[in-house]
Amino acid sequence: MSKEWLNSALIQQHSLEMRQFMDFRESTLPNGMRIVDVYNSSGLTFTLLPDRGMDIWSAHYNGIPLTWISPGSPHPPDYGRNWLSLFNGGLLTTCGLDHVGPPEDGRDIHGGYTRLRADEISIDRGKTMMRLTAVMHQTSLFGTQLTLKRTYSLIIGEPRIAVQDEVVNLSDQPAPFMLLYHCNFGYPLIRQGTELVVASDVYPRDPAARAGIETWNHYDEAAPNYAEQVFFHHPRILIEDNGSIASAALIRDDIGIEIAWNTGHMPYLTQWKNTRQGIYVCGVEPGNCIPEGQNVARQSGRLVVLQPGEQQTFELMLTILDTAEARTRARDRVQQVQQNGLLITACNLQGYTHKDAT
């Protein structure tokens, strides 16, 4: 079926209710979890979790799963359980806001953001665009006072998720600030034959990753006891592309997805390969940090500190590559940036840039 019926004028001639074509639909699960099911006539559907930082849980395109989800998820926030036992999988799990990486000094792996509940949820329904906005507070008396305002935007007929976050330090003290967008992809989007295309210099995190450095961009069949591999990317960008937008794409012969982000405050990209049997889930993760923890980030000079009253804005976009032409354009764009682009100057991967890099 062609998409000419998505013409705005035709829609308005035939319907007075835009919720027929796209919507944010709020409900509550039996376990008490609030959810927001997001529908768009583009074929892209996904579910938001207001009680887990307004992150994205399940996601599908024309019925095709885009992400891995954990058995029994979505899990309600529980401060008695650790981060890994509460990991929903899902298309987006936000890590931070003060720690991303292994546990340290009472800070759990990847921080406490994922346990935050959304307040001030509002939905703005227009004729061709809809927005959902919510606010999350990561605060502690005499401690951290960080607030994140998140906006999801939909455009009718476009298979795209646009995310904008505004983070502000409301404290009268400087605040360590680590933010990483843990975008998780699963079967059948990720399987043997899928390729990650990105314009960057690539560095392995550790010996396990070093063993796979020659095939960092290719994904294999599921294997028992696979040891995860993590690669850090130093992205390249084109000055003529506003000098700030970077992108990566996961591509197969029949489908793909592009991850694009504004590098103004996010100069890093982490790639997580986990092709383990039964828990086959892989991440493409832009951020203002790499997942090394607050202590190591401070020692390496990579730790971002928000000053009192300081605000930073982050933009992330996920786009389905649903045609051969779209996938070809994504490949060609990455190749052009790899050949002609410049390495982001704010990306500091000192300690990982050694002779095994490619």
Protein backbone atom coordinates (compact mmCIF):
# COMPACT_ATOMS: atom_id res chain seq x y z
CA MET A 1 0.00 0.00 0.00
CA SER A 2 1.42 3.38 -0.96
CA LYS A 3 1.78 6.12 1.64
CA GLU A 4 -0.12 8.80 -0.28
CA TRP A 5 -3.02 8.40 2.15
CA LEU A 6 -0.78 9.96 4.83
CA ASN A 7 -1.10 13.33 3.10
CA SER A 8 -2.21 15.80 5.78
CA ALA A 9 -4.92 17.40 3.63
CA LEU A 10 -6.45 14.01 2.77
CA ILE A 11 -6.44 12.95 6.41
CA GLN A 12 -8.24 16.10 7.49
CA GLN A 13 -10.86 15.57 4.75
CA HIS A 14 -11.64 12.12 6.10
CA SER A 15 -11.16 12.31 9.87
CA LEU A 16 -11.50 14.83 12.69
CA GLU A 17 -9.50 12.72 15.17
CA MET A 18 -5.72 12.48 14.76
CA ARG A 19 -5.57 9.70 17.34
CA GLN A 20 -6.79 7.47 14.51
CA PHE A 21 -3.35 7.89 12.94
CA MET A 22 -0.90 8.45 15.82
CA ASP A 23 -1.15 8.67 19.58
CA PHE A 24 0.36 8.31 23.05
CA ARG A 25 -1.98 5.94 24.95
CA GLU A 26 -1.59 5.80 28.73
CA SER A 27 -2.56 2.78 30.84
CA THR A 28 -1.50 0.75 33.89
CA LEU A 29 -0.36 -2.88 34.03
CA PRO A 30 -1.57 -5.34 36.71
CA ASN A 31 1.80 -5.01 38.50
CA GLY A 32 1.14 -1.29 38.93
CA MET A 33 3.56 -0.13 36.25
CA ARG A 34 2.35 2.82 34.22
CA ILE A 35 2.94 2.48 30.48
CA VAL A 36 2.43 4.67 27.43
CA ASP A 37 1.85 2.81 24.18
CA VAL A 38 2.98 4.90 21.22
CA TYR A 39 1.34 4.38 17.85
CA ASN A 40 2.25 5.93 14.50
CA SER A 41 0.79 5.09 11.07
CA SER A 42 4.36 4.75 9.85
CA GLY A 43 4.33 1.18 11.21
CA LEU A 44 6.55 2.08 14.18
CA THR A 45 5.12 1.29 17.62
CA PHE A 46 6.81 1.34 21.02
CA THR A 47 6.08 1.45 24.74
CA LEU A 48 7.33 4.05 27.22
CA LEU A 49 7.84 3.37 30.94
CA PRO A 50 6.97 6.42 33.09
CA ASP A 51 8.04 4.53 36.23
CA ARG A 52 11.45 3.70 34.77
CA GLY A 53 12.73 7.11 33.69
CA MET A 54 10.33 7.37 30.72
CA ASP A 55 12.61 5.00 28.81
CA ILE A 56 11.54 2.85 25.85
CA TRP A 57 10.66 -0.78 26.50
CA SER A 58 9.33 -2.91 23.62
CA ALA A 59 9.47 -1.57 20.05
CA HIS A 60 8.29 -2.97 16.73
CA TYR A 61 8.24 -1.97 13.08
CA ASN A 62 5.39 -3.56 11.10
CA GLY A 63 5.36 -6.30 13.74
CA ILE A 64 9.13 -6.92 13.60
CA PRO A 65 10.74 -6.73 17.08
CA LEU A 66 13.56 -4.19 17.23
CA THR A 67 14.88 -4.94 20.71
CA TRP A 68 15.43 -7.70 23.25
CA ILE A 69 13.28 -7.62 26.40
CA SER A 70 13.99 -9.32 29.71
CA PRO A 71 11.75 -12.17 30.92
CA GLY A 72 9.09 -10.80 33.28
CA SER A 73 9.69 -7.19 32.24
CA PRO A 74 8.85 -4.41 32.57
CA HIS A 75 10.17 -4.62 36.11
CA PRO A 76 8.90 -2.04 38.63
CA PRO A 77 11.63 0.09 40.24
CA ASP A 78 12.99 -1.62 43.34
CA TYR A 79 15.78 -0.12 45.45
CA GLY A 80 16.40 -3.51 47.02
CA ARG A 81 17.54 -5.07 43.75
CA ASN A 82 20.58 -4.30 41.66
CA TRP A 83 20.63 -2.68 38.22
CA LEU A 84 21.22 -5.90 36.27
CA SER A 85 18.28 -7.71 37.88
CA LEU A 86 16.04 -4.76 36.98
CA PHE A 87 17.34 -4.40 33.42
CA ASN A 88 14.30 -4.50 31.15
CA GLY A 89 16.29 -4.62 27.95
CA GLY A 90 14.17 -2.43 25.74
CA LEU A 91 15.06 0.02 23.01
CA LEU A 92 16.35 2.74 25.36
CA THR A 93 17.70 2.47 28.89
CA THR A 94 19.15 5.75 30.14
CA CYS A 95 22.30 5.41 32.26
CA GLY A 96 23.39 8.05 34.77
CA LEU A 97 22.92 10.73 35.87
CA ASP A 98 25.96 10.79 38.13
CA HIS A 99 27.51 7.41 37.34
CA VAL A 100 27.87 5.14 34.30
CA GLY A 101 29.99 2.02 34.56
CA PRO A 102 30.84 -0.71 37.11
CA PRO A 103 29.65 -0.39 40.74
CA GLU A 104 31.79 1.85 42.94
CA ASP A 105 31.56 3.63 46.31
CA GLY A 106 27.91 2.70 46.84
CA ARG A 107 26.93 3.60 43.28
CA ASP A 108 25.26 0.75 41.37
CA ILE A 109 26.21 -0.15 37.82
CA HIS A 110 25.05 2.58 35.42
CA GLY A 111 23.58 4.77 38.16
CA GLY A 112 20.12 5.31 39.60
CA TYR A 113 18.29 7.07 36.77
CA THR A 114 16.47 3.93 35.66
CA ARG A 115 14.56 3.83 38.98
CA LEU A 116 13.16 7.36 38.66
CA ARG A 117 9.43 7.95 38.21
CA ALA A 118 8.18 10.56 35.75
CA ASP A 119 6.22 13.61 36.87
CA GLU A 120 4.44 16.37 34.97
CA ILE A 121 3.53 14.16 32.01
CA SER A 122 1.89 16.18 29.26
CA ILE A 123 0.81 15.34 25.71
CA ASP A 124 0.53 17.89 22.90
CA ARG A 125 -1.51 16.58 19.97
CA GLY A 126 -1.19 18.53 16.72
CA LYS A 127 -2.37 17.87 13.17
CA THR A 128 0.87 16.35 11.90
CA MET A 129 3.05 16.12 15.02
CA MET A 130 2.60 14.92 18.61
CA ARG A 131 4.83 15.41 21.63
CA LEU A 132 5.00 13.83 25.06
CA THR A 133 6.96 15.61 27.80
CA ALA A 134 7.85 14.40 31.28
CA VAL A 135 10.19 15.41 34.11
CA MET A 136 12.46 13.17 36.20
CA HIS A 137 14.21 14.31 39.40
CA GLN A 138 17.39 12.66 40.69
CA THR A 139 17.71 14.39 44.05
CA SER A 140 18.98 13.84 47.56
CA LEU A 141 18.80 16.20 50.53
CA PHE A 142 22.25 17.85 50.91
CA GLY A 143 23.30 15.99 47.76
CA THR A 144 22.54 15.73 44.04
CA GLN A 145 19.81 17.97 42.65
CA LEU A 146 19.56 17.05 38.97
CA THR A 147 16.40 17.35 36.88
CA LEU A 148 15.89 15.87 33.41
CA LYS A 149 13.04 17.04 31.17
CA ARG A 150 12.41 14.57 28.32
CA THR A 151 10.40 15.15 25.14
CA TYR A 152 9.41 12.50 22.62
CA SER A 153 8.27 13.76 19.21
CA LEU A 154 6.34 11.95 16.48
CA ILE A 155 5.65 13.09 12.92
CA ILE A 156 2.79 11.32 11.19
CA GLY A 157 3.94 8.69 8.74
CA GLU A 158 7.63 8.92 9.64
CA PRO A 159 9.19 5.78 11.21
CA ARG A 160 11.31 7.84 13.58
CA ILE A 161 11.67 8.46 17.31
CA ALA A 162 13.07 11.85 18.31
CA VAL A 163 14.23 12.32 21.90
CA GLN A 164 15.31 15.59 23.49
CA ASP A 165 16.56 15.81 27.08
CA GLU A 166 17.25 18.97 29.04
CA VAL A 167 19.34 18.38 32.17
CA VAL A 168 19.84 21.09 34.78
CA ASN A 169 21.78 21.18 38.04
CA LEU A 170 19.45 22.84 40.58
CA SER A 171 21.98 22.58 43.40
CA ASP A 172 24.24 25.34 44.69
CA GLN A 173 27.18 22.92 44.29
CA PRO A 174 28.90 21.49 41.17
CA ALA A 175 27.56 18.04 40.22
CA PRO A 176 29.38 15.11 38.55
CA PHE A 177 27.33 14.33 35.45
CA MET A 178 27.45 11.16 33.35
CA LEU A 179 24.78 10.37 30.74
CA LEU A 180 24.71 7.47 28.29
CA TYR A 181 21.86 6.36 26.01
CA HIS A 182 21.90 2.55 26.20
CA CYS A 183 20.11 1.79 22.89
CA ASN A 184 19.54 -1.96 22.81
CA PHE A 185 18.80 -4.00 19.69
CA GLY A 186 17.84 -7.64 19.36
CA TYR A 187 16.72 -10.45 17.08
CA PRO A 188 15.81 -10.39 14.21
CA LEU A 189 17.24 -6.91 13.57
CA ILE A 190 20.52 -8.11 15.08
CA ARG A 191 21.62 -11.58 14.03
CA GLN A 192 24.26 -13.22 11.89
CA GLY A 193 24.83 -10.97 8.87
CA THR A 194 23.93 -7.64 10.52
CA GLU A 195 26.58 -4.94 10.15
CA LEU A 196 27.24 -1.78 12.15
CA VAL A 197 28.35 1.09 9.93
CA VAL A 198 29.79 4.15 11.63
CA ALA A 199 32.42 6.76 10.78
CA SER A 200 34.94 6.50 13.61
CA ASP A 201 38.23 5.22 14.91
CA VAL A 202 37.60 2.09 17.00
CA TYR A 203 39.33 0.90 20.17
CA PRO A 204 38.76 -2.28 22.24
CA ARG A 205 38.00 -1.87 25.94
CA ASP A 206 39.83 -4.97 27.18
CA PRO A 207 41.42 -8.28 26.08
CA ALA A 208 38.01 -9.84 25.33
CA ALA A 209 37.25 -7.01 22.90
CA ARG A 210 40.78 -7.01 21.53
CA ALA A 211 40.22 -10.61 20.41
CA GLY A 212 37.32 -9.41 18.24
CA ILE A 213 38.74 -6.16 16.92
CA GLU A 214 38.94 -7.44 13.33
CA THR A 215 35.21 -8.15 13.25
CA TRP A 216 33.87 -5.37 15.51
CA ASN A 217 31.32 -4.31 12.88
CA HIS A 218 29.86 -7.77 12.13
CA TYR A 219 27.44 -9.78 14.27
CA ASP A 220 27.50 -13.57 14.53
CA GLU A 221 24.98 -16.27 15.35
CA ALA A 222 23.97 -16.78 18.98
CA ALA A 223 26.53 -18.77 20.98
CA PRO A 224 26.47 -20.19 24.55
CA ASN A 225 28.79 -18.53 27.07
CA TYR A 226 29.74 -15.70 24.72
CA ALA A 227 31.90 -13.17 26.56
CA GLU A 228 30.66 -9.62 25.91
CA GLN A 229 32.86 -7.33 23.83
CA VAL A 230 32.88 -3.56 24.22
CA PHE A 231 34.41 -1.10 21.76
CA PHE A 232 34.87 2.64 22.16
CA HIS A 233 34.42 4.78 19.05
CA HIS A 234 35.99 8.15 18.36
CA PRO A 235 33.31 9.52 15.99
CA ARG A 236 33.94 11.56 12.89
CA ILE A 237 31.68 14.38 11.69
CA LEU A 238 31.47 16.65 8.68
CA ILE A 239 31.85 20.36 9.36
CA GLU A 240 29.32 21.10 6.61
CA ASP A 241 26.75 18.98 8.50
CA ASN A 242 26.49 21.71 11.11
CA GLY A 243 29.57 20.24 12.72
CA SER A 244 27.62 18.43 15.41
CA ILE A 245 25.54 15.49 14.13
CA ALA A 246 27.01 11.99 14.14
CA SER A 247 25.29 8.78 13.12
CA ALA A 248 25.63 5.02 13.09
CA ALA A 249 23.45 2.40 11.42
CA LEU A 250 22.70 -1.28 11.91
CA ILE A 251 22.00 -2.71 8.47
CA ARG A 252 20.76 -5.96 7.00
CA ASP A 253 19.66 -6.72 3.44
CA ASP A 254 15.99 -6.30 4.39
CA ILE A 255 15.92 -3.73 7.24
CA GLY A 256 18.07 -1.29 9.15
CA ILE A 257 17.99 1.38 11.82
CA GLU A 258 19.97 4.61 12.10
CA ILE A 259 21.04 6.16 15.38
CA ALA A 260 21.85 9.86 15.12
CA TRP A 261 22.84 12.22 17.92
CA ASN A 262 24.01 15.75 18.54
CA THR A 263 27.65 15.55 19.60
CA GLY A 264 27.70 19.01 21.17
CA HIS A 265 27.53 17.44 24.63
CA MET A 266 27.84 13.77 23.53
CA PRO A 267 31.24 13.19 21.91
CA TYR A 268 31.42 9.47 22.78
CA LEU A 269 29.99 6.28 21.28
CA THR A 270 30.18 2.88 22.96
CA GLN A 271 29.40 -0.37 21.13
CA TRP A 272 28.31 -3.36 23.23
CA LYS A 273 28.35 -6.77 21.56
CA ASN A 274 26.51 -9.50 23.46
CA THR A 275 25.60 -12.30 21.06
CA ARG A 276 25.07 -14.78 23.87
CA GLN A 277 22.42 -17.47 23.43
CA GLY A 278 19.06 -16.50 24.95
CA ILE A 279 20.20 -13.02 25.96
CA TYR A 280 21.21 -11.86 22.50
CA VAL A 281 21.18 -8.07 22.87
CA CYS A 282 23.64 -5.51 21.53
CA GLY A 283 24.01 -1.82 22.26
CA VAL A 284 24.88 1.31 20.29
CA GLU A 285 25.34 3.93 23.00
CA PRO A 286 26.01 7.65 22.48
CA GLY A 287 26.91 9.58 25.61
CA ASN A 288 28.83 12.35 27.31
CA CYS A 289 31.02 9.58 28.78
CA ILE A 290 32.12 6.00 28.33
CA PRO A 291 30.99 3.36 30.87
CA GLU A 292 34.10 3.49 33.07
CA GLY A 293 32.62 4.84 36.32
CA GLN A 294 32.84 8.19 38.03
CA ASN A 295 36.17 7.53 39.74
CA VAL A 296 38.04 6.50 36.58
CA ALA A 297 36.39 9.27 34.58
CA ARG A 298 37.64 11.84 37.10
CA GLN A 299 41.16 10.41 36.99
CA SER A 300 41.22 10.34 33.18
CA GLY A 301 39.92 13.89 32.83
CA ARG A 302 36.75 12.71 31.12
CA LEU A 303 34.29 13.48 33.93
CA VAL A 304 31.78 16.22 33.09
CA VAL A 305 30.78 18.51 35.96
CA LEU A 306 27.63 20.64 35.81
CA GLN A 307 27.99 23.95 37.58
CA PRO A 308 25.16 25.32 39.78
CA GLY A 309 22.27 26.32 37.53
CA GLU A 310 23.95 24.94 34.40
CA GLN A 311 21.73 23.29 31.79
CA GLN A 312 22.68 21.05 28.88
CA THR A 313 20.49 19.76 26.03
CA PHE A 314 20.82 16.35 24.35
CA GLU A 315 19.23 15.10 21.13
CA LEU A 316 18.88 11.51 19.94
CA MET A 317 17.01 10.19 16.90
CA LEU A 318 16.24 6.61 15.88
CA THR A 319 15.05 6.09 12.29
CA ILE A 320 13.93 2.89 10.60
CA LEU A 321 15.71 2.28 7.27
CA ASP A 322 12.79 0.53 5.60
CA THR A 323 13.88 0.67 1.97
CA ALA A 324 16.95 -0.42 0.06
CA GLU A 325 17.45 3.20 -0.97
CA ALA A 326 17.43 4.37 2.65
CA ARG A 327 19.98 1.75 3.64
CA THR A 328 22.21 2.64 0.70
CA ARG A 329 22.04 6.34 1.60
CA ALA A 330 23.02 5.53 5.18
CA ARG A 331 26.03 3.50 4.03
CA ASP A 332 27.11 6.18 1.55
CA ARG A 333 26.79 8.90 4.19
CA VAL A 334 28.96 6.98 6.65
CA GLN A 335 31.55 6.27 3.96
CA GLN A 336 31.70 9.95 3.03
CA VAL A 337 32.18 10.98 6.65
CA GLN A 338 34.82 8.30 7.20
CA GLN A 339 36.77 9.61 4.21
CA ASN A 340 36.25 13.35 4.62
CA GLY A 341 35.13 13.91 8.20
CA LEU A 342 37.11 15.10 11.20
CA LEU A 343 37.50 13.37 14.54
CA ILE A 344 35.51 15.06 17.31
CA THR A 345 38.00 17.08 19.33
CA ALA A 346 36.07 16.73 22.61
CA CYS A 347 36.34 12.93 22.52
CA ASN A 348 39.13 11.86 24.86
CA LEU A 349 39.91 8.13 24.74
CA GLN A 350 43.35 8.33 26.28
CA GLY A 351 44.23 4.95 27.75
CA TYR A 352 42.52 2.97 24.98
CA THR A 353 44.33 4.27 21.88
CA HIS A 354 46.99 1.63 21.33
CA LYS A 355 48.41 -0.43 18.48
CA ASP A 356 45.39 -2.76 18.38
CA ALA A 357 43.12 0.08 17.30
CA THR A 358 41.66 0.12 13.78
